[in-house]
Amino acid sequence: MSNIIKLEATIDFDDITKTIEKALKLDDNAEVFNALVNVIQVKEQVKTLLEKVEKVETDTKRLINAKAKALMGDDWQTIAGQGYKITRYFAGSVYSRLEDEKIDKKFLKIVESLNTAEIDKFLEETEKLPKGLELKDSRTEVIRVTLK
């Protein structure tokens, strides 16, 4: 297996646009379907490439971390050079909770979020939104394609 990653793909969006615009029907239209399949196939190739690149990035960072620890010790924090800086820090929670152990409430933080199910139920029953809420009209529209 080669350590070189390469992808070459072509999508002719003008051709896709023309194909869809000239279509007299969408059901059982092989041209429209093939145009969409081409886009999906290229997307999958790019997705696979991205996964490979992310693995290379992770492996490279792991190698740099190991080398930095060997040269500068386990507590290294920064590597800098002309035009770049690599910083090491710890992410995530500092502490974790033991299961089945009671914790004093002063050590807990409760995060609020909207209960969509209850809001929907209230809206269905009263035909109006609860006080203090508004409808979010900037939701993303999704078109899903399933290949068999």
Protein backbone atom coordinates (compact mmCIF):
# COMPACT_ATOMS: atom_id res chain seq x y z
CA MET A 1 0.00 0.00 0.00
CA SER A 2 1.30 3.41 -0.96
CA ASN A 3 1.68 6.24 1.53
CA ILE A 4 0.59 8.73 -1.11
CA ILE A 5 -3.03 9.88 -1.07
CA LYS A 6 -4.49 11.17 -4.34
CA LEU A 7 -8.01 11.92 -5.55
CA GLU A 8 -9.15 13.22 -8.88
CA ALA A 9 -12.84 13.80 -9.54
CA THR A 10 -14.88 15.79 -12.02
CA ILE A 11 -18.37 17.12 -11.57
CA ASP A 12 -19.95 19.09 -14.42
CA PHE A 13 -22.57 21.09 -12.57
CA ASP A 14 -23.69 22.89 -15.74
CA ASP A 15 -24.46 19.49 -17.32
CA ILE A 16 -26.35 18.38 -14.20
CA THR A 17 -28.34 21.62 -14.20
CA LYS A 18 -29.26 21.25 -17.88
CA THR A 19 -30.25 17.59 -17.35
CA ILE A 20 -32.60 18.47 -14.50
CA GLU A 21 -34.02 21.57 -16.20
CA LYS A 22 -34.88 19.68 -19.42
CA ALA A 23 -36.43 16.73 -17.56
CA LEU A 24 -40.14 16.32 -18.30
CA LYS A 25 -40.57 13.96 -15.37
CA LEU A 26 -38.49 13.01 -12.32
CA ASP A 27 -39.86 9.53 -11.59
CA ASP A 28 -37.98 6.80 -13.47
CA ASN A 29 -35.71 9.36 -15.13
CA ALA A 30 -32.36 7.61 -15.62
CA GLU A 31 -30.53 10.78 -16.73
CA VAL A 32 -31.49 12.73 -13.60
CA PHE A 33 -30.76 9.72 -11.40
CA ASN A 34 -27.32 9.17 -13.02
CA ALA A 35 -26.44 12.86 -12.60
CA LEU A 36 -27.24 12.60 -8.90
CA VAL A 37 -25.44 9.27 -8.51
CA ASN A 38 -22.28 10.83 -9.99
CA VAL A 39 -22.39 13.58 -7.37
CA ILE A 40 -22.96 11.04 -4.58
CA GLN A 41 -20.08 8.85 -5.78
CA VAL A 42 -17.69 11.82 -5.89
CA LYS A 43 -18.90 12.86 -2.42
CA GLU A 44 -18.14 9.35 -1.11
CA GLN A 45 -14.67 9.45 -2.66
CA VAL A 46 -13.99 12.82 -1.03
CA LYS A 47 -15.35 11.51 2.28
CA THR A 48 -13.03 8.49 2.10
CA LEU A 49 -10.11 10.76 1.25
CA LEU A 50 -10.95 13.03 4.19
CA GLU A 51 -10.99 10.02 6.54
CA LYS A 52 -7.52 9.02 5.27
CA VAL A 53 -6.20 12.57 5.63
CA GLU A 54 -7.61 12.84 9.17
CA LYS A 55 -5.89 9.55 10.06
CA VAL A 56 -2.60 10.86 8.67
CA GLU A 57 -3.08 14.06 10.68
CA THR A 58 -3.78 12.10 13.88
CA ASP A 59 -0.79 9.80 13.31
CA THR A 60 1.47 12.79 12.57
CA LYS A 61 0.38 14.58 15.75
CA ARG A 62 0.98 11.37 17.73
CA LEU A 63 4.51 11.10 16.29
CA ILE A 64 5.25 14.76 17.05
CA ASN A 65 3.95 14.34 20.61
CA ALA A 66 6.12 11.26 21.16
CA LYS A 67 9.19 13.01 19.73
CA ALA A 68 8.54 16.16 21.80
CA LYS A 69 8.20 14.08 24.97
CA ALA A 70 11.47 12.32 24.16
CA LEU A 71 13.29 15.62 23.53
CA MET A 72 11.61 17.99 26.00
CA GLY A 73 9.93 15.78 28.60
CA ASP A 74 6.37 14.73 29.35
CA ASP A 75 5.29 18.24 30.30
CA TRP A 76 6.08 19.97 26.98
CA GLN A 77 3.52 22.56 25.91
CA THR A 78 4.65 24.46 22.81
CA ILE A 79 6.76 23.93 19.71
CA ALA A 80 7.26 27.04 17.59
CA GLY A 81 9.03 27.93 14.41
CA GLN A 82 8.89 30.40 11.55
CA GLY A 83 5.22 30.55 10.56
CA TYR A 84 3.94 27.79 12.85
CA LYS A 85 3.21 26.93 16.45
CA ILE A 86 2.17 23.56 17.86
CA THR A 87 0.50 23.70 21.25
CA ARG A 88 -0.27 20.77 23.51
CA TYR A 89 -3.06 20.99 26.08
CA PHE A 90 -5.57 18.70 27.73
CA ALA A 91 -9.22 18.80 26.62
CA GLY A 92 -12.35 17.44 28.20
CA SER A 93 -13.46 17.17 31.79
CA VAL A 94 -10.86 17.19 34.52
CA TYR A 95 -12.95 14.91 36.72
CA SER A 96 -15.35 12.04 36.07
CA ARG A 97 -18.23 10.88 38.16
CA LEU A 98 -18.19 7.45 39.83
CA GLU A 99 -21.33 5.47 39.17
CA ASP A 100 -23.61 4.75 42.11
CA GLU A 101 -21.87 7.36 44.28
CA LYS A 102 -23.76 10.30 45.73
CA ILE A 103 -22.26 13.73 44.99
CA ASP A 104 -22.89 16.91 46.94
CA LYS A 105 -25.09 19.17 44.77
CA LYS A 106 -22.61 22.04 45.04
CA PHE A 107 -20.28 19.99 42.81
CA LEU A 108 -22.92 19.56 40.07
CA LYS A 109 -23.99 21.96 37.34
CA ILE A 110 -27.34 21.40 35.67
CA VAL A 111 -27.62 22.55 32.04
CA GLU A 112 -31.00 23.63 30.66
CA SER A 113 -32.33 22.85 27.19
CA LEU A 114 -35.75 23.13 25.58
CA ASN A 115 -38.02 20.07 25.82
CA THR A 116 -39.32 19.83 22.23
CA ALA A 117 -41.76 17.02 23.00
CA GLU A 118 -43.49 19.04 25.73
CA ILE A 119 -43.54 22.19 23.59
CA ASP A 120 -45.10 20.22 20.69
CA LYS A 121 -47.72 18.77 23.07
CA PHE A 122 -48.56 22.25 24.42
CA LEU A 123 -48.76 23.65 20.89
CA GLU A 124 -51.08 20.83 19.80
CA GLU A 125 -53.36 21.36 22.80
CA THR A 126 -53.49 25.17 22.78
CA GLU A 127 -52.55 26.05 19.17
CA LYS A 128 -50.06 28.62 20.48
CA LEU A 129 -46.46 28.58 21.67
CA PRO A 130 -45.69 28.75 25.38
CA LYS A 131 -44.77 32.22 26.65
CA GLY A 132 -41.11 33.04 26.10
CA LEU A 133 -40.68 30.89 22.99
CA GLU A 134 -40.68 31.67 19.29
CA LEU A 135 -40.58 29.43 16.24
CA LYS A 136 -37.09 29.09 14.80
CA ASP A 137 -37.56 29.54 11.06
CA SER A 138 -33.93 29.15 10.02
CA ARG A 139 -33.84 25.34 10.13
CA THR A 140 -31.96 23.52 7.40
CA GLU A 141 -33.91 21.62 4.76
CA VAL A 142 -32.48 18.16 4.04
CA ILE A 143 -33.02 16.08 0.90
CA ARG A 144 -31.93 12.46 1.48
CA VAL A 145 -31.07 10.07 -1.33
CA THR A 146 -30.96 6.33 -0.71
CA LEU A 147 -29.24 4.07 -3.19
CA LYS A 148 -30.43 0.47 -3.30
